[in-house]
Amino acid sequence: MGMKRFRGVAAGTGYFSQFHFDAWRRTEGVEITAIAGLDAAQARETAARHGIARVYGNVAEMLEREKPDFIDIITPPATHLALVQLAAERGVDILCQKALAPTLAEARQIVDIAARGGVRLMVHDNFRFQPWHRAARKLLDAGAIGRLQSLSGRTRLGDGWGADAYLARQPYFRDMPQFLVFETGVHFIDVYRYLGGEIVRVFARLRRLNPAIAGEDCGMLLFDFASGAAGLWDADRYHEGSAVDPRYTFGDFLLEGEDGALRIDGEGAIFLRRLGAAETRHHYAPSRDGFAGDSVAATFAHFIARLVDGAPFETEGADYLRTLMVQDAAYVSAQSARMEPVIKQ
């Protein structure tokens, strides 16, 4: 008997949805039967382009009529609570884009609603599923550099300078009161948890370089890990980096351990250097399909595999709250100018 075929629906037809629908089309055992979007013309065009049979203007009606196994929520954070409620009431499992909610308190509500409804909830944070981070995790597990001592990353996206910053692709970025850490940094907090374990303290220095936007677009975040390792994320969206496509890896990374170091460059190449030895390249083949190493497709493959076997998602809603707690502590630190603890739930 073959694997169950899952029927899914999606809410949202904005900029990033193109990467979702392309990846779903290539995911085995899944059919997206319908989408819902506020812009009817955009929703019809999206459905036609991706071969999706039906379009709705109302998510509740879509869930009632389609009776799907799951919903993929690709809408802005402020809409997530209501959409999760609709799905949970109907016993529909949920994959929800980050940011999970505008606030940590609302994110906790979302997790509680899913739990009370007896449905599965996975947060779609695809950065940990980028192939260079998966390969680095395997090398760490194999003892390639010994016990991890430090983890650092440098991100320069270069899409946020000038009076017209973000207008072409995601104009709502301009009005977000919390921007760099809330929209981008949360990805790296999750990646750092994936690679380095739990973060227990954080220090943040945040700035706004472009006066045309509302929130911060530059920051340095320092992390203390429970293991004793240290972390650094040095990032801004204003200045340009050296990568041909800065949105492929979203930065350069260095992992240092007691026996050596791993380096990931802006093309996704990984280099290993043992103490006292020459640097060598770790050979693997990161994809150029889809988004950032085809990480959306990898996220979906994980979601479906866990629906099949019932094991926890890596970004299970309840566990992902820890990532959001680190994010919150970063904003507190930026105000207090102190290293702030990540308070346990």
C-alpha atoms as a PDB file:
ATOM      1  CA  MET A   1       0.000   0.000   0.000  1.00  0.00           C
ATOM      2  CA  GLY A   2       1.425   3.397  -1.018  1.00  0.00           C
ATOM      3  CA  MET A   3       1.770   6.522   1.046  1.00  0.00           C
ATOM      4  CA  LYS A   4      -1.418   8.428   1.785  1.00  0.00           C
ATOM      5  CA  ARG A   5      -2.089  11.316  -0.571  1.00  0.00           C
ATOM      6  CA  PHE A   6      -2.610  14.513   1.397  1.00  0.00           C
ATOM      7  CA  ARG A   7      -5.091  17.166   0.310  1.00  0.00           C
ATOM      8  CA  GLY A   8      -4.090  20.670   1.245  1.00  0.00           C
ATOM      9  CA  VAL A   9      -5.416  24.200   0.815  1.00  0.00           C
ATOM     10  CA  ALA A  10      -3.599  27.504   1.085  1.00  0.00           C
ATOM     11  CA  ALA A  11      -4.474  30.987   2.322  1.00  0.00           C
ATOM     12  CA  GLY A  12      -2.549  33.879   0.808  1.00  0.00           C
ATOM     13  CA  THR A  13      -1.345  34.818  -2.661  1.00  0.00           C
ATOM     14  CA  GLY A  14       1.268  37.490  -1.915  1.00  0.00           C
ATOM     15  CA  TYR A  15       4.904  37.728  -3.002  1.00  0.00           C
ATOM     16  CA  PHE A  16       6.296  34.711  -1.133  1.00  0.00           C
ATOM     17  CA  SER A  17       3.406  32.404  -2.042  1.00  0.00           C
ATOM     18  CA  GLN A  18       5.031  31.732  -5.429  1.00  0.00           C
ATOM     19  CA  PHE A  19       7.765  29.755  -3.677  1.00  0.00           C
ATOM     20  CA  HIS A  20       5.154  27.759  -1.747  1.00  0.00           C
ATOM     21  CA  PHE A  21       3.084  26.795  -4.775  1.00  0.00           C
ATOM     22  CA  ASP A  22       6.146  25.890  -6.841  1.00  0.00           C
ATOM     23  CA  ALA A  23       7.408  23.668  -4.006  1.00  0.00           C
ATOM     24  CA  TRP A  24       4.031  22.035  -3.365  1.00  0.00           C
ATOM     25  CA  ARG A  25       3.792  21.147  -7.045  1.00  0.00           C
ATOM     26  CA  ARG A  26       7.044  19.195  -6.643  1.00  0.00           C
ATOM     27  CA  THR A  27       6.155  17.539  -3.317  1.00  0.00           C
ATOM     28  CA  GLU A  28       5.199  13.874  -3.643  1.00  0.00           C
ATOM     29  CA  GLY A  29       1.946  12.699  -2.126  1.00  0.00           C
ATOM     30  CA  VAL A  30       0.361  16.157  -1.932  1.00  0.00           C
ATOM     31  CA  GLU A  31      -2.323  17.982  -3.883  1.00  0.00           C
ATOM     32  CA  ILE A  32      -3.197  21.622  -3.198  1.00  0.00           C
ATOM     33  CA  THR A  33      -6.868  21.645  -4.149  1.00  0.00           C
ATOM     34  CA  ALA A  34      -7.741  25.301  -3.497  1.00  0.00           C
ATOM     35  CA  ILE A  35      -6.450  28.704  -2.477  1.00  0.00           C
ATOM     36  CA  ALA A  36      -8.059  31.699  -0.819  1.00  0.00           C
ATOM     37  CA  GLY A  37      -6.970  35.291  -1.303  1.00  0.00           C
ATOM     38  CA  LEU A  38      -8.379  38.753  -0.644  1.00  0.00           C
ATOM     39  CA  ASP A  39      -7.439  39.951  -4.140  1.00  0.00           C
ATOM     40  CA  ALA A  40      -9.723  37.856  -6.359  1.00  0.00           C
ATOM     41  CA  ALA A  41      -7.919  38.625  -9.600  1.00  0.00           C
ATOM     42  CA  GLN A  42      -4.521  37.840  -8.078  1.00  0.00           C
ATOM     43  CA  ALA A  43      -5.872  34.607  -6.591  1.00  0.00           C
ATOM     44  CA  ARG A  44      -7.313  33.468  -9.934  1.00  0.00           C
ATOM     45  CA  GLU A  45      -4.055  34.278 -11.721  1.00  0.00           C
ATOM     46  CA  THR A  46      -2.037  32.418  -9.066  1.00  0.00           C
ATOM     47  CA  ALA A  47      -4.315  29.375  -9.291  1.00  0.00           C
ATOM     48  CA  ALA A  48      -4.078  29.291 -13.072  1.00  0.00           C
ATOM     49  CA  ARG A  49      -0.276  29.593 -13.035  1.00  0.00           C
ATOM     50  CA  HIS A  50       0.169  26.767 -10.541  1.00  0.00           C
ATOM     51  CA  GLY A  51      -2.597  24.433 -11.681  1.00  0.00           C
ATOM     52  CA  ILE A  52      -4.800  24.813  -8.592  1.00  0.00           C
ATOM     53  CA  ALA A  53      -8.416  23.860  -9.252  1.00  0.00           C
ATOM     54  CA  ARG A  54     -10.476  26.201  -7.078  1.00  0.00           C
ATOM     55  CA  VAL A  55     -10.309  29.754  -5.709  1.00  0.00           C
ATOM     56  CA  TYR A  56     -12.168  31.181  -2.705  1.00  0.00           C
ATOM     57  CA  GLY A  57     -12.506  34.635  -1.239  1.00  0.00           C
ATOM     58  CA  ASN A  58     -13.270  33.243   2.211  1.00  0.00           C
ATOM     59  CA  VAL A  59     -11.074  30.817   4.162  1.00  0.00           C
ATOM     60  CA  ALA A  60     -13.916  29.422   6.283  1.00  0.00           C
ATOM     61  CA  GLU A  61     -15.893  28.528   3.156  1.00  0.00           C
ATOM     62  CA  MET A  62     -12.798  26.937   1.621  1.00  0.00           C
ATOM     63  CA  LEU A  63     -12.232  24.752   4.681  1.00  0.00           C
ATOM     64  CA  GLU A  64     -15.907  23.721   4.826  1.00  0.00           C
ATOM     65  CA  ARG A  65     -16.126  22.804   1.152  1.00  0.00           C
ATOM     66  CA  GLU A  66     -12.675  21.276   0.599  1.00  0.00           C
ATOM     67  CA  LYS A  67     -12.348  19.384   3.903  1.00  0.00           C
ATOM     68  CA  PRO A  68      -8.541  19.280   3.552  1.00  0.00           C
ATOM     69  CA  ASP A  69      -5.970  17.416   5.605  1.00  0.00           C
ATOM     70  CA  PHE A  70      -3.998  20.613   6.156  1.00  0.00           C
ATOM     71  CA  ILE A  71      -3.864  24.326   5.453  1.00  0.00           C
ATOM     72  CA  ASP A  72      -0.774  26.279   4.431  1.00  0.00           C
ATOM     73  CA  ILE A  73      -1.099  29.801   5.875  1.00  0.00           C
ATOM     74  CA  ILE A  74       0.908  32.343   3.823  1.00  0.00           C
ATOM     75  CA  THR A  75      -0.745  35.537   5.061  1.00  0.00           C
ATOM     76  CA  PRO A  76       0.537  38.441   7.239  1.00  0.00           C
ATOM     77  CA  PRO A  77       1.150  37.742  10.949  1.00  0.00           C
ATOM     78  CA  ALA A  78      -1.872  39.702  12.201  1.00  0.00           C
ATOM     79  CA  THR A  79      -4.220  37.281  10.384  1.00  0.00           C
ATOM     80  CA  HIS A  80      -2.761  34.051  11.776  1.00  0.00           C
ATOM     81  CA  LEU A  81      -4.715  33.806  15.034  1.00  0.00           C
ATOM     82  CA  ALA A  82      -8.111  33.890  13.299  1.00  0.00           C
ATOM     83  CA  LEU A  83      -7.021  31.482  10.559  1.00  0.00           C
ATOM     84  CA  VAL A  84      -5.557  28.996  13.037  1.00  0.00           C
ATOM     85  CA  GLN A  85      -8.839  29.170  14.959  1.00  0.00           C
ATOM     86  CA  LEU A  86     -10.814  28.355  11.807  1.00  0.00           C
ATOM     87  CA  ALA A  87      -8.584  25.383  11.012  1.00  0.00           C
ATOM     88  CA  ALA A  88      -8.459  24.055  14.577  1.00  0.00           C
ATOM     89  CA  GLU A  89     -12.260  24.142  14.854  1.00  0.00           C
ATOM     90  CA  ARG A  90     -12.447  21.898  11.790  1.00  0.00           C
ATOM     91  CA  GLY A  91      -9.673  19.468  12.743  1.00  0.00           C
ATOM     92  CA  VAL A  92      -7.336  20.654   9.991  1.00  0.00           C
ATOM     93  CA  ASP A  93      -3.563  20.450  10.564  1.00  0.00           C
ATOM     94  CA  ILE A  94      -1.644  23.691  10.088  1.00  0.00           C
ATOM     95  CA  LEU A  95       1.571  24.883   8.469  1.00  0.00           C
ATOM     96  CA  CYS A  96       1.895  28.592   9.273  1.00  0.00           C
ATOM     97  CA  GLN A  97       4.421  31.034   7.884  1.00  0.00           C
ATOM     98  CA  LYS A  98       6.574  33.014  10.230  1.00  0.00           C
ATOM     99  CA  ALA A  99       6.231  35.514  11.793  1.00  0.00           C
ATOM    100  CA  LEU A 100       3.834  33.345  13.786  1.00  0.00           C
ATOM    101  CA  ALA A 101       2.139  36.391  15.349  1.00  0.00           C
ATOM    102  CA  PRO A 102       2.699  40.100  15.987  1.00  0.00           C
ATOM    103  CA  THR A 103       3.511  39.402  19.657  1.00  0.00           C
ATOM    104  CA  LEU A 104       4.768  36.541  21.794  1.00  0.00           C
ATOM    105  CA  ALA A 105       1.485  36.581  23.751  1.00  0.00           C
ATOM    106  CA  GLU A 106      -0.519  36.092  20.556  1.00  0.00           C
ATOM    107  CA  ALA A 107       1.862  33.350  19.409  1.00  0.00           C
ATOM    108  CA  ARG A 108       1.178  31.525  22.661  1.00  0.00           C
ATOM    109  CA  GLN A 109      -2.557  31.861  21.989  1.00  0.00           C
ATOM    110  CA  ILE A 110      -2.084  30.285  18.567  1.00  0.00           C
ATOM    111  CA  VAL A 111      -0.175  27.352  20.038  1.00  0.00           C
ATOM    112  CA  ASP A 112      -2.866  26.867  22.698  1.00  0.00           C
ATOM    113  CA  ILE A 113      -5.697  26.972  20.125  1.00  0.00           C
ATOM    114  CA  ALA A 114      -4.027  24.282  18.028  1.00  0.00           C
ATOM    115  CA  ALA A 115      -3.409  22.116  21.087  1.00  0.00           C
ATOM    116  CA  ARG A 116      -7.006  22.449  22.304  1.00  0.00           C
ATOM    117  CA  GLY A 117      -8.260  21.617  18.827  1.00  0.00           C
ATOM    118  CA  GLY A 118      -6.101  18.509  18.666  1.00  0.00           C
ATOM    119  CA  VAL A 119      -4.433  19.586  15.407  1.00  0.00           C
ATOM    120  CA  ARG A 120      -0.759  19.625  14.407  1.00  0.00           C
ATOM    121  CA  LEU A 121       0.942  23.030  14.101  1.00  0.00           C
ATOM    122  CA  MET A 122       4.276  23.596  12.379  1.00  0.00           C
ATOM    123  CA  VAL A 123       5.807  27.033  11.890  1.00  0.00           C
ATOM    124  CA  HIS A 124       7.148  27.541   8.379  1.00  0.00           C
ATOM    125  CA  ASP A 125      10.647  28.829   9.111  1.00  0.00           C
ATOM    126  CA  ASN A 126      12.603  27.395   6.207  1.00  0.00           C
ATOM    127  CA  PHE A 127      16.098  28.756   6.984  1.00  0.00           C
ATOM    128  CA  ARG A 128      17.086  25.738   9.104  1.00  0.00           C
ATOM    129  CA  PHE A 129      16.141  23.601   6.083  1.00  0.00           C
ATOM    130  CA  GLN A 130      18.626  25.365   3.800  1.00  0.00           C
ATOM    131  CA  PRO A 131      21.078  22.702   2.603  1.00  0.00           C
ATOM    132  CA  TRP A 132      24.251  24.338   4.003  1.00  0.00           C
ATOM    133  CA  HIS A 133      22.763  24.416   7.494  1.00  0.00           C
ATOM    134  CA  ARG A 134      21.645  20.777   7.192  1.00  0.00           C
ATOM    135  CA  ALA A 135      25.136  19.790   6.014  1.00  0.00           C
ATOM    136  CA  ALA A 136      26.765  21.768   8.836  1.00  0.00           C
ATOM    137  CA  ARG A 137      24.539  20.020  11.388  1.00  0.00           C
ATOM    138  CA  LYS A 138      25.604  16.610  10.031  1.00  0.00           C
ATOM    139  CA  LEU A 139      29.270  17.604  10.239  1.00  0.00           C
ATOM    140  CA  LEU A 140      28.812  18.779  13.833  1.00  0.00           C
ATOM    141  CA  ASP A 141      27.067  15.523  14.723  1.00  0.00           C
ATOM    142  CA  ALA A 142      29.947  13.583  13.150  1.00  0.00           C
ATOM    143  CA  GLY A 143      32.436  15.432  15.360  1.00  0.00           C
ATOM    144  CA  ALA A 144      34.129  17.213  12.453  1.00  0.00           C
ATOM    145  CA  ILE A 145      35.211  20.187  14.599  1.00  0.00           C
ATOM    146  CA  GLY A 146      34.628  18.797  18.084  1.00  0.00           C
ATOM    147  CA  ARG A 147      32.513  20.581  20.669  1.00  0.00           C
ATOM    148  CA  LEU A 148      31.074  23.816  19.298  1.00  0.00           C
ATOM    149  CA  GLN A 149      32.608  26.919  20.879  1.00  0.00           C
ATOM    150  CA  SER A 150      31.314  29.781  18.732  1.00  0.00           C
ATOM    151  CA  LEU A 151      28.902  30.451  15.893  1.00  0.00           C
ATOM    152  CA  SER A 152      28.858  33.676  13.901  1.00  0.00           C
ATOM    153  CA  GLY A 153      27.102  34.995  10.824  1.00  0.00           C
ATOM    154  CA  ARG A 154      27.312  38.176   8.767  1.00  0.00           C
ATOM    155  CA  THR A 155      24.304  39.249   6.674  1.00  0.00           C
ATOM    156  CA  ARG A 156      24.270  42.105   4.168  1.00  0.00           C
ATOM    157  CA  LEU A 157      21.179  42.071   1.950  1.00  0.00           C
ATOM    158  CA  GLY A 158      21.539  45.470   0.270  1.00  0.00           C
ATOM    159  CA  ASP A 159      17.821  45.759  -0.499  1.00  0.00           C
ATOM    160  CA  GLY A 160      17.026  48.469   2.038  1.00  0.00           C
ATOM    161  CA  TRP A 161      18.808  51.652   0.975  1.00  0.00           C
ATOM    162  CA  GLY A 162      17.216  54.614  -0.757  1.00  0.00           C
ATOM    163  CA  ALA A 163      13.879  56.384  -0.488  1.00  0.00           C
ATOM    164  CA  ASP A 164      12.120  53.572  -2.406  1.00  0.00           C
ATOM    165  CA  ALA A 165      13.450  50.726  -0.255  1.00  0.00           C
ATOM    166  CA  TYR A 166      11.290  47.542  -0.352  1.00  0.00           C
ATOM    167  CA  LEU A 167       8.568  49.109  -2.527  1.00  0.00           C
ATOM    168  CA  ALA A 168       9.158  46.778  -5.465  1.00  0.00           C
ATOM    169  CA  ARG A 169       8.822  43.486  -3.592  1.00  0.00           C
ATOM    170  CA  GLN A 170       7.461  43.764  -0.035  1.00  0.00           C
ATOM    171  CA  PRO A 171       6.339  47.358   0.629  1.00  0.00           C
ATOM    172  CA  TYR A 172       4.796  46.523   4.015  1.00  0.00           C
ATOM    173  CA  PHE A 173       8.369  46.165   5.333  1.00  0.00           C
ATOM    174  CA  ARG A 174       8.580  49.971   5.360  1.00  0.00           C
ATOM    175  CA  ASP A 175       5.928  50.381   8.056  1.00  0.00           C
ATOM    176  CA  MET A 176       6.940  47.608  10.455  1.00  0.00           C
ATOM    177  CA  PRO A 177       7.889  49.176  13.834  1.00  0.00           C
ATOM    178  CA  GLN A 178      10.088  46.147  14.540  1.00  0.00           C
ATOM    179  CA  PHE A 179      11.815  45.045  11.365  1.00  0.00           C
ATOM    180  CA  LEU A 180      15.299  43.515  11.180  1.00  0.00           C
ATOM    181  CA  VAL A 181      15.014  41.128  14.133  1.00  0.00           C
ATOM    182  CA  PHE A 182      11.263  40.455  13.794  1.00  0.00           C
ATOM    183  CA  GLU A 183      11.295  39.851  10.036  1.00  0.00           C
ATOM    184  CA  THR A 184      14.813  38.539   9.311  1.00  0.00           C
ATOM    185  CA  GLY A 185      16.653  37.897  12.556  1.00  0.00           C
ATOM    186  CA  VAL A 186      14.103  35.391  13.792  1.00  0.00           C
ATOM    187  CA  HIS A 187      15.264  33.062  11.005  1.00  0.00           C
ATOM    188  CA  PHE A 188      18.804  33.165  12.336  1.00  0.00           C
ATOM    189  CA  ILE A 189      17.750  32.756  15.948  1.00  0.00           C
ATOM    190  CA  ASP A 190      16.076  29.524  14.845  1.00  0.00           C
ATOM    191  CA  VAL A 191      19.113  28.446  12.797  1.00  0.00           C
ATOM    192  CA  TYR A 192      21.418  29.151  15.730  1.00  0.00           C
ATOM    193  CA  ARG A 193      19.178  27.071  18.010  1.00  0.00           C
ATOM    194  CA  TYR A 194      19.314  24.289  15.404  1.00  0.00           C
ATOM    195  CA  LEU A 195      23.104  24.378  15.204  1.00  0.00           C
ATOM    196  CA  GLY A 196      24.101  25.452  18.711  1.00  0.00           C
ATOM    197  CA  GLY A 197      21.286  24.421  21.036  1.00  0.00           C
ATOM    198  CA  GLU A 198      19.257  26.576  23.377  1.00  0.00           C
ATOM    199  CA  ILE A 199      20.046  30.259  23.791  1.00  0.00           C
ATOM    200  CA  VAL A 200      19.877  31.478  27.388  1.00  0.00           C
ATOM    201  CA  ARG A 201      20.960  35.133  27.123  1.00  0.00           C
ATOM    202  CA  VAL A 202      21.031  37.753  24.380  1.00  0.00           C
ATOM    203  CA  PHE A 203      22.473  41.236  23.888  1.00  0.00           C
ATOM    204  CA  ALA A 204      21.285  43.426  21.012  1.00  0.00           C
ATOM    205  CA  ARG A 205      22.391  46.759  19.578  1.00  0.00           C
ATOM    206  CA  LEU A 206      19.835  47.866  16.990  1.00  0.00           C
ATOM    207  CA  ARG A 207      19.847  50.894  14.689  1.00  0.00           C
ATOM    208  CA  ARG A 208      17.931  52.369  11.778  1.00  0.00           C
ATOM    209  CA  LEU A 209      20.152  53.361   8.852  1.00  0.00           C
ATOM    210  CA  ASN A 210      17.435  54.273   6.341  1.00  0.00           C
ATOM    211  CA  PRO A 211      15.150  57.098   7.554  1.00  0.00           C
ATOM    212  CA  ALA A 212      12.543  56.115   4.940  1.00  0.00           C
ATOM    213  CA  ILE A 213      11.418  53.104   7.012  1.00  0.00           C
ATOM    214  CA  ALA A 214       9.861  52.786  10.466  1.00  0.00           C
ATOM    215  CA  GLY A 215      11.824  49.976  12.102  1.00  0.00           C
ATOM    216  CA  GLU A 216      15.423  48.978  12.716  1.00  0.00           C
ATOM    217  CA  ASP A 217      17.416  47.736   9.714  1.00  0.00           C
ATOM    218  CA  CYS A 218      20.813  47.193  11.339  1.00  0.00           C
ATOM    219  CA  GLY A 219      21.850  45.167  14.347  1.00  0.00           C
ATOM    220  CA  MET A 220      24.428  43.139  16.193  1.00  0.00           C
ATOM    221  CA  LEU A 221      23.121  40.322  18.373  1.00  0.00           C
ATOM    222  CA  LEU A 222      25.259  38.382  20.846  1.00  0.00           C
ATOM    223  CA  PHE A 223      24.044  35.031  22.177  1.00  0.00           C
ATOM    224  CA  ASP A 224      25.023  32.849  25.123  1.00  0.00           C
ATOM    225  CA  PHE A 225      24.148  29.197  24.572  1.00  0.00           C
ATOM    226  CA  ALA A 226      23.271  26.788  27.362  1.00  0.00           C
ATOM    227  CA  SER A 227      26.269  24.700  26.254  1.00  0.00           C
ATOM    228  CA  GLY A 228      28.655  27.562  26.988  1.00  0.00           C
ATOM    229  CA  ALA A 229      29.169  28.410  23.317  1.00  0.00           C
ATOM    230  CA  ALA A 230      28.876  32.008  22.104  1.00  0.00           C
ATOM    231  CA  GLY A 231      27.047  33.398  19.065  1.00  0.00           C
ATOM    232  CA  LEU A 232      27.084  36.555  16.976  1.00  0.00           C
ATOM    233  CA  TRP A 233      24.770  37.775  14.209  1.00  0.00           C
ATOM    234  CA  ASP A 234      26.043  40.934  12.503  1.00  0.00           C
ATOM    235  CA  ALA A 235      23.427  42.130  10.027  1.00  0.00           C
ATOM    236  CA  ASP A 236      21.912  44.956   8.091  1.00  0.00           C
ATOM    237  CA  ARG A 237      19.640  45.231   5.087  1.00  0.00           C
ATOM    238  CA  TYR A 238      21.087  48.589   4.021  1.00  0.00           C
ATOM    239  CA  HIS A 239      24.625  47.795   2.897  1.00  0.00           C
ATOM    240  CA  GLU A 240      25.481  45.466   0.058  1.00  0.00           C
ATOM    241  CA  GLY A 241      27.604  42.347   0.460  1.00  0.00           C
ATOM    242  CA  SER A 242      29.894  40.560  -1.977  1.00  0.00           C
ATOM    243  CA  ALA A 243      27.614  37.635  -2.851  1.00  0.00           C
ATOM    244  CA  VAL A 244      26.187  37.533  -6.375  1.00  0.00           C
ATOM    245  CA  ASP A 245      22.785  36.691  -4.878  1.00  0.00           C
ATOM    246  CA  PRO A 246      22.647  37.772  -1.223  1.00  0.00           C
ATOM    247  CA  ARG A 247      19.257  36.051  -0.857  1.00  0.00           C
ATOM    248  CA  TYR A 248      20.715  32.607  -1.603  1.00  0.00           C
ATOM    249  CA  THR A 249      22.437  31.941   1.742  1.00  0.00           C
ATOM    250  CA  PHE A 250      21.537  35.272   3.437  1.00  0.00           C
ATOM    251  CA  GLY A 251      25.058  35.512   4.801  1.00  0.00           C
ATOM    252  CA  ASP A 252      28.441  33.983   5.550  1.00  0.00           C
ATOM    253  CA  PHE A 253      28.858  31.746   8.591  1.00  0.00           C
ATOM    254  CA  LEU A 254      31.690  30.471  10.765  1.00  0.00           C
ATOM    255  CA  LEU A 255      31.373  27.639  13.262  1.00  0.00           C
ATOM    256  CA  GLU A 256      34.393  27.098  15.514  1.00  0.00           C
ATOM    257  CA  GLY A 257      34.923  24.085  17.721  1.00  0.00           C
ATOM    258  CA  GLU A 258      37.595  22.660  19.974  1.00  0.00           C
ATOM    259  CA  ASP A 259      39.137  20.748  17.034  1.00  0.00           C
ATOM    260  CA  GLY A 260      38.679  23.136  14.097  1.00  0.00           C
ATOM    261  CA  ALA A 261      36.219  25.250  12.132  1.00  0.00           C
ATOM    262  CA  LEU A 262      33.522  25.139   9.453  1.00  0.00           C
ATOM    263  CA  ARG A 263      33.075  28.072   7.082  1.00  0.00           C
ATOM    264  CA  ILE A 264      30.026  28.627   4.844  1.00  0.00           C
ATOM    265  CA  ASP A 265      30.365  31.248   2.124  1.00  0.00           C
ATOM    266  CA  GLY A 266      27.721  33.238   0.253  1.00  0.00           C
ATOM    267  CA  GLU A 267      27.498  30.595  -2.482  1.00  0.00           C
ATOM    268  CA  GLY A 268      26.710  27.827   0.013  1.00  0.00           C
ATOM    269  CA  ALA A 269      30.178  26.263  -0.218  1.00  0.00           C
ATOM    270  CA  ILE A 270      31.389  24.653   3.010  1.00  0.00           C
ATOM    271  CA  PHE A 271      35.035  24.529   4.048  1.00  0.00           C
ATOM    272  CA  LEU A 272      36.473  22.440   6.888  1.00  0.00           C
ATOM    273  CA  ARG A 273      39.694  23.232   8.682  1.00  0.00           C
ATOM    274  CA  ARG A 274      40.999  21.009  11.435  1.00  0.00           C
ATOM    275  CA  LEU A 275      43.453  22.621  13.862  1.00  0.00           C
ATOM    276  CA  GLY A 276      46.956  22.396  12.418  1.00  0.00           C
ATOM    277  CA  ALA A 277      45.719  21.296   8.972  1.00  0.00           C
ATOM    278  CA  ALA A 278      44.940  22.990   5.676  1.00  0.00           C
ATOM    279  CA  GLU A 279      41.374  24.019   4.845  1.00  0.00           C
ATOM    280  CA  THR A 280      39.498  21.557   2.613  1.00  0.00           C
ATOM    281  CA  ARG A 281      36.191  21.849   0.819  1.00  0.00           C
ATOM    282  CA  HIS A 282      33.302  19.697   1.971  1.00  0.00           C
ATOM    283  CA  HIS A 283      31.675  18.313  -1.142  1.00  0.00           C
ATOM    284  CA  TYR A 284      27.907  18.328  -1.352  1.00  0.00           C
ATOM    285  CA  ALA A 285      25.447  19.720  -3.896  1.00  0.00           C
ATOM    286  CA  PRO A 286      23.134  22.507  -2.670  1.00  0.00           C
ATOM    287  CA  SER A 287      20.194  23.093  -5.002  1.00  0.00           C
ATOM    288  CA  ARG A 288      19.645  26.241  -7.042  1.00  0.00           C
ATOM    289  CA  ASP A 289      15.922  25.505  -7.448  1.00  0.00           C
ATOM    290  CA  GLY A 290      13.167  27.399  -5.660  1.00  0.00           C
ATOM    291  CA  PHE A 291      14.038  29.620  -2.707  1.00  0.00           C
ATOM    292  CA  ALA A 292      17.435  29.621  -0.960  1.00  0.00           C
ATOM    293  CA  GLY A 293      18.675  26.151  -1.799  1.00  0.00           C
ATOM    294  CA  ASP A 294      15.138  24.837  -2.325  1.00  0.00           C
ATOM    295  CA  SER A 295      14.549  25.172   1.403  1.00  0.00           C
ATOM    296  CA  VAL A 296      10.784  25.641   1.006  1.00  0.00           C
ATOM    297  CA  ALA A 297      10.519  22.243  -0.681  1.00  0.00           C
ATOM    298  CA  ALA A 298      12.670  20.737   2.086  1.00  0.00           C
ATOM    299  CA  THR A 299      10.392  22.312   4.696  1.00  0.00           C
ATOM    300  CA  PHE A 300       7.352  20.786   3.009  1.00  0.00           C
ATOM    301  CA  ALA A 301       8.987  17.363   2.774  1.00  0.00           C
ATOM    302  CA  HIS A 302       9.610  17.501   6.527  1.00  0.00           C
ATOM    303  CA  PHE A 303       6.026  18.613   7.233  1.00  0.00           C
ATOM    304  CA  ILE A 304       4.539  15.736   5.224  1.00  0.00           C
ATOM    305  CA  ALA A 305       6.976  13.163   6.639  1.00  0.00           C
ATOM    306  CA  ARG A 306       5.974  14.130  10.179  1.00  0.00           C
ATOM    307  CA  LEU A 307       2.259  14.000   9.307  1.00  0.00           C
ATOM    308  CA  VAL A 308       2.901  10.448   8.118  1.00  0.00           C
ATOM    309  CA  ASP A 309       4.960   9.199  11.076  1.00  0.00           C
ATOM    310  CA  GLY A 310       3.487  11.381  13.835  1.00  0.00           C
ATOM    311  CA  ALA A 311       6.886  12.482  15.162  1.00  0.00           C
ATOM    312  CA  PRO A 312       7.312  16.108  16.305  1.00  0.00           C
ATOM    313  CA  PHE A 313       8.044  18.784  13.746  1.00  0.00           C
ATOM    314  CA  GLU A 314      11.439  20.437  14.117  1.00  0.00           C
ATOM    315  CA  THR A 315       9.619  23.772  14.266  1.00  0.00           C
ATOM    316  CA  GLU A 316       6.681  22.500  16.319  1.00  0.00           C
ATOM    317  CA  GLY A 317       4.553  25.441  17.410  1.00  0.00           C
ATOM    318  CA  ALA A 318       5.224  24.931  21.118  1.00  0.00           C
ATOM    319  CA  ASP A 319       8.986  24.594  20.628  1.00  0.00           C
ATOM    320  CA  TYR A 320       9.124  27.575  18.272  1.00  0.00           C
ATOM    321  CA  LEU A 321       7.931  29.787  21.111  1.00  0.00           C
ATOM    322  CA  ARG A 322      11.494  29.501  22.431  1.00  0.00           C
ATOM    323  CA  THR A 323      12.771  31.187  19.258  1.00  0.00           C
ATOM    324  CA  LEU A 324      10.244  33.979  19.777  1.00  0.00           C
ATOM    325  CA  MET A 325      11.316  34.363  23.406  1.00  0.00           C
ATOM    326  CA  VAL A 326      14.875  34.991  22.225  1.00  0.00           C
ATOM    327  CA  GLN A 327      13.519  37.518  19.719  1.00  0.00           C
ATOM    328  CA  ASP A 328      11.613  39.311  22.487  1.00  0.00           C
ATOM    329  CA  ALA A 329      14.680  39.323  24.735  1.00  0.00           C
ATOM    330  CA  ALA A 330      16.676  40.955  21.916  1.00  0.00           C
ATOM    331  CA  TYR A 331      14.254  43.883  21.780  1.00  0.00           C
ATOM    332  CA  VAL A 332      14.322  44.211  25.579  1.00  0.00           C
ATOM    333  CA  SER A 333      18.131  44.226  25.449  1.00  0.00           C
ATOM    334  CA  ALA A 334      18.160  46.933  22.775  1.00  0.00           C
ATOM    335  CA  GLN A 335      16.209  49.139  25.199  1.00  0.00           C
ATOM    336  CA  SER A 336      18.088  48.227  28.374  1.00  0.00           C
ATOM    337  CA  ALA A 337      21.595  48.065  26.826  1.00  0.00           C
ATOM    338  CA  ARG A 338      22.172  44.919  28.899  1.00  0.00           C
ATOM    339  CA  MET A 339      22.534  41.204  28.284  1.00  0.00           C
ATOM    340  CA  GLU A 340      18.997  39.880  28.855  1.00  0.00           C
ATOM    341  CA  PRO A 341      17.972  36.395  29.971  1.00  0.00           C
ATOM    342  CA  VAL A 342      15.616  34.300  27.859  1.00  0.00           C
ATOM    343  CA  ILE A 343      12.879  33.563  30.381  1.00  0.00           C
ATOM    344  CA  LYS A 344      11.605  29.984  30.449  1.00  0.00           C
ATOM    345  CA  GLN A 345       7.952  29.392  29.626  1.00  0.00           C
END
